[in-house]
């Protein structure tokens, strides 16, 4: 920032890892969805409460929906919280939702 305005980062300059919630490229895998998780998220978005016949009896589908719902609720409630602790807090919340 200079004079209250953002200064564009040159393409050759690395990103400022201190401002990113990942805190560096070594933590990248913690913040990326696996292919299976991405498919579950896309199915959740597509169907939400209008599941096809038989899906409500599928334990894996119900569990995935509980996790996604809990993660989304947590994100909404903590959007402005301290970024450094948000990821750890989210994991704790999701683990509690699984019990």
N, C-alpha and C. Protein backbone atom coordinates (compact mmCIF):
# COMPACT_ATOMS: atom_id res chain seq x y z
N UNK A 1 0.85 -1.17 0.00
CA UNK A 1 0.00 0.00 0.00
C UNK A 1 0.89 1.24 0.00
N UNK A 2 0.49 2.19 -0.78
CA UNK A 2 1.17 3.47 -0.79
C UNK A 2 0.11 4.55 -0.92
N UNK A 3 0.10 5.44 0.03
CA UNK A 3 -0.90 6.51 0.06
C UNK A 3 -2.32 5.96 0.07
N UNK A 4 -2.51 4.82 0.75
CA UNK A 4 -3.82 4.21 0.87
C UNK A 4 -4.27 3.41 -0.33
N UNK A 5 -3.41 3.28 -1.33
CA UNK A 5 -3.76 2.52 -2.53
C UNK A 5 -2.84 1.31 -2.66
N UNK A 6 -3.43 0.21 -3.14
CA UNK A 6 -2.65 -1.01 -3.34
C UNK A 6 -1.68 -0.82 -4.50
N UNK A 7 -0.48 -1.32 -4.31
CA UNK A 7 0.53 -1.26 -5.36
C UNK A 7 0.54 -2.62 -6.05
N UNK A 8 0.38 -2.67 -7.36
CA UNK A 8 0.37 -3.96 -8.05
C UNK A 8 1.72 -4.68 -7.87
N UNK A 9 1.65 -5.98 -7.65
CA UNK A 9 2.86 -6.78 -7.48
C UNK A 9 3.36 -7.17 -8.86
N UNK A 10 4.65 -6.92 -9.14
CA UNK A 10 5.20 -7.35 -10.44
C UNK A 10 5.12 -8.86 -10.58
N UNK A 11 5.01 -9.36 -11.79
CA UNK A 11 4.89 -10.79 -12.03
C UNK A 11 6.10 -11.55 -11.51
N UNK A 12 7.25 -10.92 -11.48
CA UNK A 12 8.47 -11.59 -11.02
C UNK A 12 8.60 -11.65 -9.50
N UNK A 13 7.78 -10.88 -8.77
CA UNK A 13 7.87 -10.82 -7.31
C UNK A 13 7.00 -11.90 -6.68
N UNK A 14 7.54 -12.61 -5.68
CA UNK A 14 6.72 -13.63 -5.00
C UNK A 14 5.64 -12.97 -4.15
N UNK A 15 4.55 -13.69 -3.85
CA UNK A 15 3.49 -13.12 -3.03
C UNK A 15 3.96 -12.92 -1.59
N UNK A 16 3.26 -12.05 -0.88
CA UNK A 16 3.57 -11.79 0.52
C UNK A 16 2.92 -12.88 1.37
N UNK A 17 3.69 -13.86 1.76
CA UNK A 17 3.14 -15.02 2.47
C UNK A 17 2.65 -14.68 3.87
N UNK A 18 3.12 -13.59 4.44
CA UNK A 18 2.66 -13.22 5.78
C UNK A 18 1.19 -12.81 5.77
N UNK A 19 0.69 -12.32 4.66
CA UNK A 19 -0.70 -11.87 4.59
C UNK A 19 -1.65 -12.99 4.18
N UNK A 20 -1.13 -14.08 3.67
CA UNK A 20 -1.94 -15.20 3.21
C UNK A 20 -2.25 -16.12 4.38
N UNK A 21 -3.49 -16.65 4.47
CA UNK A 21 -3.81 -17.57 5.58
C UNK A 21 -2.98 -18.85 5.55
N UNK A 22 -2.45 -19.23 4.38
CA UNK A 22 -1.63 -20.44 4.29
C UNK A 22 -0.26 -20.24 4.94
N UNK A 23 0.18 -19.00 5.05
CA UNK A 23 1.48 -18.67 5.64
C UNK A 23 2.67 -19.23 4.87
N UNK A 24 2.47 -19.62 3.63
CA UNK A 24 3.58 -20.08 2.81
C UNK A 24 3.19 -21.27 1.94
N UNK A 25 3.95 -21.50 0.87
CA UNK A 25 3.62 -22.57 -0.07
C UNK A 25 3.70 -23.98 0.54
N UNK A 26 4.46 -24.14 1.62
CA UNK A 26 4.57 -25.47 2.24
C UNK A 26 3.26 -25.94 2.85
N UNK A 27 2.33 -25.03 3.11
CA UNK A 27 1.03 -25.37 3.69
C UNK A 27 -0.08 -25.47 2.65
N UNK A 28 0.27 -25.40 1.40
CA UNK A 28 -0.72 -25.35 0.32
C UNK A 28 -1.67 -26.55 0.34
N UNK A 29 -1.15 -27.74 0.60
CA UNK A 29 -2.00 -28.94 0.55
C UNK A 29 -3.07 -28.92 1.63
N UNK A 30 -2.85 -28.22 2.75
CA UNK A 30 -3.85 -28.14 3.81
C UNK A 30 -5.07 -27.33 3.37
N UNK A 31 -4.92 -26.50 2.36
CA UNK A 31 -5.99 -25.59 1.94
C UNK A 31 -6.59 -25.95 0.59
N UNK A 32 -6.21 -27.06 0.04
CA UNK A 32 -6.76 -27.48 -1.25
C UNK A 32 -7.66 -28.70 -1.05
N UNK A 33 -8.75 -28.73 -1.80
CA UNK A 33 -9.64 -29.88 -1.76
C UNK A 33 -9.07 -31.01 -2.61
N UNK A 34 -9.20 -32.24 -2.12
CA UNK A 34 -8.85 -33.38 -2.94
C UNK A 34 -9.91 -33.51 -4.03
N UNK A 35 -9.64 -34.35 -5.01
CA UNK A 35 -10.61 -34.53 -6.09
C UNK A 35 -11.93 -35.08 -5.55
N UNK A 36 -11.87 -36.02 -4.61
CA UNK A 36 -13.09 -36.57 -4.02
C UNK A 36 -13.86 -35.49 -3.26
N UNK A 37 -13.13 -34.67 -2.50
CA UNK A 37 -13.79 -33.61 -1.74
C UNK A 37 -14.40 -32.56 -2.67
N UNK A 38 -13.72 -32.29 -3.77
CA UNK A 38 -14.26 -31.33 -4.74
C UNK A 38 -15.57 -31.85 -5.34
N UNK A 39 -15.60 -33.14 -5.67
CA UNK A 39 -16.82 -33.73 -6.22
C UNK A 39 -17.95 -33.70 -5.20
N UNK A 40 -17.63 -33.97 -3.93
CA UNK A 40 -18.65 -33.91 -2.87
C UNK A 40 -19.19 -32.49 -2.74
N UNK A 41 -18.30 -31.49 -2.79
CA UNK A 41 -18.72 -30.09 -2.69
C UNK A 41 -19.61 -29.70 -3.87
N UNK A 42 -19.23 -30.12 -5.06
CA UNK A 42 -20.02 -29.79 -6.25
C UNK A 42 -21.40 -30.45 -6.19
N UNK A 43 -21.46 -31.71 -5.72
CA UNK A 43 -22.75 -32.39 -5.59
C UNK A 43 -23.61 -31.71 -4.54
N UNK A 44 -22.99 -31.30 -3.44
CA UNK A 44 -23.71 -30.60 -2.38
C UNK A 44 -24.31 -29.30 -2.91
N UNK A 45 -23.51 -28.54 -3.66
CA UNK A 45 -24.01 -27.29 -4.24
C UNK A 45 -25.14 -27.55 -5.23
N UNK A 46 -25.01 -28.60 -6.01
CA UNK A 46 -26.00 -28.89 -7.04
C UNK A 46 -27.34 -29.32 -6.44
N UNK A 47 -27.29 -30.20 -5.43
CA UNK A 47 -28.51 -30.79 -4.91
C UNK A 47 -29.01 -30.16 -3.62
N UNK A 48 -28.08 -29.68 -2.77
CA UNK A 48 -28.41 -29.14 -1.45
C UNK A 48 -29.50 -29.98 -0.79
N UNK A 49 -30.71 -29.49 -0.63
CA UNK A 49 -31.77 -30.23 0.06
C UNK A 49 -32.61 -31.10 -0.86
N UNK A 50 -32.43 -31.00 -2.15
CA UNK A 50 -33.24 -31.76 -3.11
C UNK A 50 -32.46 -32.96 -3.63
N UNK A 51 -32.17 -33.90 -2.75
CA UNK A 51 -31.36 -35.05 -3.11
C UNK A 51 -32.13 -36.03 -3.97
N UNK A 52 -31.44 -36.68 -4.89
CA UNK A 52 -32.09 -37.74 -5.69
C UNK A 52 -32.53 -38.89 -4.79
N UNK A 53 -33.44 -39.71 -5.29
CA UNK A 53 -33.97 -40.85 -4.52
C UNK A 53 -32.84 -41.73 -4.02
N UNK A 54 -32.93 -42.11 -2.76
CA UNK A 54 -31.97 -43.03 -2.18
C UNK A 54 -30.75 -42.38 -1.55
N UNK A 55 -30.49 -41.13 -1.88
CA UNK A 55 -29.28 -40.48 -1.36
C UNK A 55 -29.39 -40.23 0.14
N UNK A 56 -30.57 -39.99 0.66
CA UNK A 56 -30.74 -39.71 2.08
C UNK A 56 -30.39 -40.93 2.93
N UNK A 57 -30.43 -42.13 2.34
CA UNK A 57 -30.08 -43.35 3.07
C UNK A 57 -28.59 -43.68 2.95
N UNK A 58 -27.88 -43.01 2.08
CA UNK A 58 -26.45 -43.27 1.88
C UNK A 58 -25.65 -42.61 2.99
N UNK A 59 -25.04 -43.41 3.86
CA UNK A 59 -24.33 -42.89 5.02
C UNK A 59 -23.19 -41.96 4.64
N UNK A 60 -22.46 -42.29 3.59
CA UNK A 60 -21.33 -41.46 3.16
C UNK A 60 -21.81 -40.09 2.69
N UNK A 61 -22.91 -40.09 1.92
CA UNK A 61 -23.45 -38.82 1.43
C UNK A 61 -23.92 -37.95 2.60
N UNK A 62 -24.63 -38.55 3.54
CA UNK A 62 -25.14 -37.80 4.69
C UNK A 62 -23.97 -37.24 5.51
N UNK A 63 -22.94 -38.06 5.72
CA UNK A 63 -21.76 -37.60 6.48
C UNK A 63 -21.07 -36.44 5.75
N UNK A 64 -20.90 -36.57 4.44
CA UNK A 64 -20.28 -35.49 3.67
C UNK A 64 -21.09 -34.20 3.79
N UNK A 65 -22.39 -34.31 3.71
CA UNK A 65 -23.25 -33.12 3.81
C UNK A 65 -23.13 -32.48 5.18
N UNK A 66 -23.05 -33.30 6.24
CA UNK A 66 -22.87 -32.75 7.58
C UNK A 66 -21.57 -31.98 7.68
N UNK A 67 -20.50 -32.55 7.14
CA UNK A 67 -19.20 -31.88 7.17
C UNK A 67 -19.22 -30.57 6.39
N UNK A 68 -19.79 -30.62 5.20
CA UNK A 68 -19.83 -29.43 4.36
C UNK A 68 -20.67 -28.35 5.02
N UNK A 69 -21.83 -28.73 5.56
CA UNK A 69 -22.69 -27.77 6.24
C UNK A 69 -21.97 -27.13 7.42
N UNK A 70 -21.29 -27.95 8.21
CA UNK A 70 -20.57 -27.44 9.39
C UNK A 70 -19.43 -26.52 8.97
N UNK A 71 -18.69 -26.90 7.94
CA UNK A 71 -17.59 -26.06 7.46
C UNK A 71 -18.12 -24.73 6.93
N UNK A 72 -19.23 -24.77 6.21
CA UNK A 72 -19.82 -23.55 5.66
C UNK A 72 -20.33 -22.64 6.78
N UNK A 73 -20.99 -23.23 7.79
CA UNK A 73 -21.44 -22.44 8.94
C UNK A 73 -20.28 -21.80 9.66
N UNK A 74 -19.22 -22.58 9.85
CA UNK A 74 -18.05 -22.05 10.53
C UNK A 74 -17.43 -20.89 9.73
N UNK A 75 -17.33 -21.07 8.42
CA UNK A 75 -16.78 -20.02 7.57
C UNK A 75 -17.59 -18.74 7.69
N UNK A 76 -18.90 -18.87 7.61
CA UNK A 76 -19.77 -17.69 7.70
C UNK A 76 -19.62 -16.99 9.05
N UNK A 77 -19.54 -17.77 10.12
CA UNK A 77 -19.47 -17.20 11.46
C UNK A 77 -18.12 -16.59 11.77
N UNK A 78 -17.06 -17.07 11.11
CA UNK A 78 -15.70 -16.65 11.46
C UNK A 78 -14.98 -15.97 10.31
N UNK A 79 -15.71 -15.43 9.38
CA UNK A 79 -15.10 -14.82 8.20
C UNK A 79 -14.13 -13.70 8.57
N UNK A 80 -14.41 -12.99 9.64
CA UNK A 80 -13.56 -11.85 10.00
C UNK A 80 -12.67 -12.15 11.19
N UNK A 81 -12.58 -13.42 11.58
CA UNK A 81 -11.74 -13.80 12.73
C UNK A 81 -10.27 -13.76 12.34
N UNK A 82 -9.43 -13.92 13.33
CA UNK A 82 -7.99 -13.96 13.12
C UNK A 82 -7.64 -15.09 12.17
N UNK A 83 -7.05 -14.77 11.03
CA UNK A 83 -6.76 -15.75 10.00
C UNK A 83 -5.79 -16.82 10.47
N UNK A 84 -4.90 -16.46 11.36
CA UNK A 84 -3.87 -17.40 11.80
C UNK A 84 -4.47 -18.62 12.51
N UNK A 85 -5.55 -18.42 13.25
CA UNK A 85 -6.14 -19.50 14.03
C UNK A 85 -7.40 -20.09 13.40
N UNK A 86 -7.88 -19.49 12.33
CA UNK A 86 -9.15 -19.92 11.74
C UNK A 86 -9.11 -21.37 11.25
N UNK A 87 -8.03 -21.77 10.61
CA UNK A 87 -7.95 -23.12 10.07
C UNK A 87 -7.99 -24.16 11.18
N UNK A 88 -7.21 -23.95 12.24
CA UNK A 88 -7.19 -24.89 13.36
C UNK A 88 -8.55 -24.95 14.03
N UNK A 89 -9.18 -23.82 14.24
CA UNK A 89 -10.51 -23.79 14.85
C UNK A 89 -11.53 -24.53 13.98
N UNK A 90 -11.41 -24.38 12.66
CA UNK A 90 -12.33 -25.07 11.75
C UNK A 90 -12.17 -26.58 11.87
N UNK A 91 -10.94 -27.07 11.95
CA UNK A 91 -10.72 -28.50 12.09
C UNK A 91 -11.34 -29.04 13.37
N UNK A 92 -11.20 -28.30 14.45
CA UNK A 92 -11.79 -28.72 15.73
C UNK A 92 -13.30 -28.80 15.60
N UNK A 93 -13.92 -27.78 15.00
CA UNK A 93 -15.38 -27.76 14.82
C UNK A 93 -15.86 -28.92 13.98
N UNK A 94 -15.14 -29.23 12.90
CA UNK A 94 -15.54 -30.30 12.01
C UNK A 94 -15.41 -31.65 12.71
N UNK A 95 -14.33 -31.84 13.45
CA UNK A 95 -14.16 -33.09 14.19
C UNK A 95 -15.28 -33.28 15.21
N UNK A 96 -15.71 -32.22 15.84
CA UNK A 96 -16.82 -32.31 16.80
C UNK A 96 -18.11 -32.67 16.09
N UNK A 97 -18.28 -32.16 14.87
CA UNK A 97 -19.50 -32.44 14.12
C UNK A 97 -19.56 -33.92 13.71
N UNK A 98 -18.40 -34.55 13.57
CA UNK A 98 -18.36 -35.95 13.17
C UNK A 98 -18.73 -36.91 14.30
N UNK A 99 -18.65 -36.44 15.55
CA UNK A 99 -18.92 -37.33 16.69
C UNK A 99 -20.38 -37.66 16.79
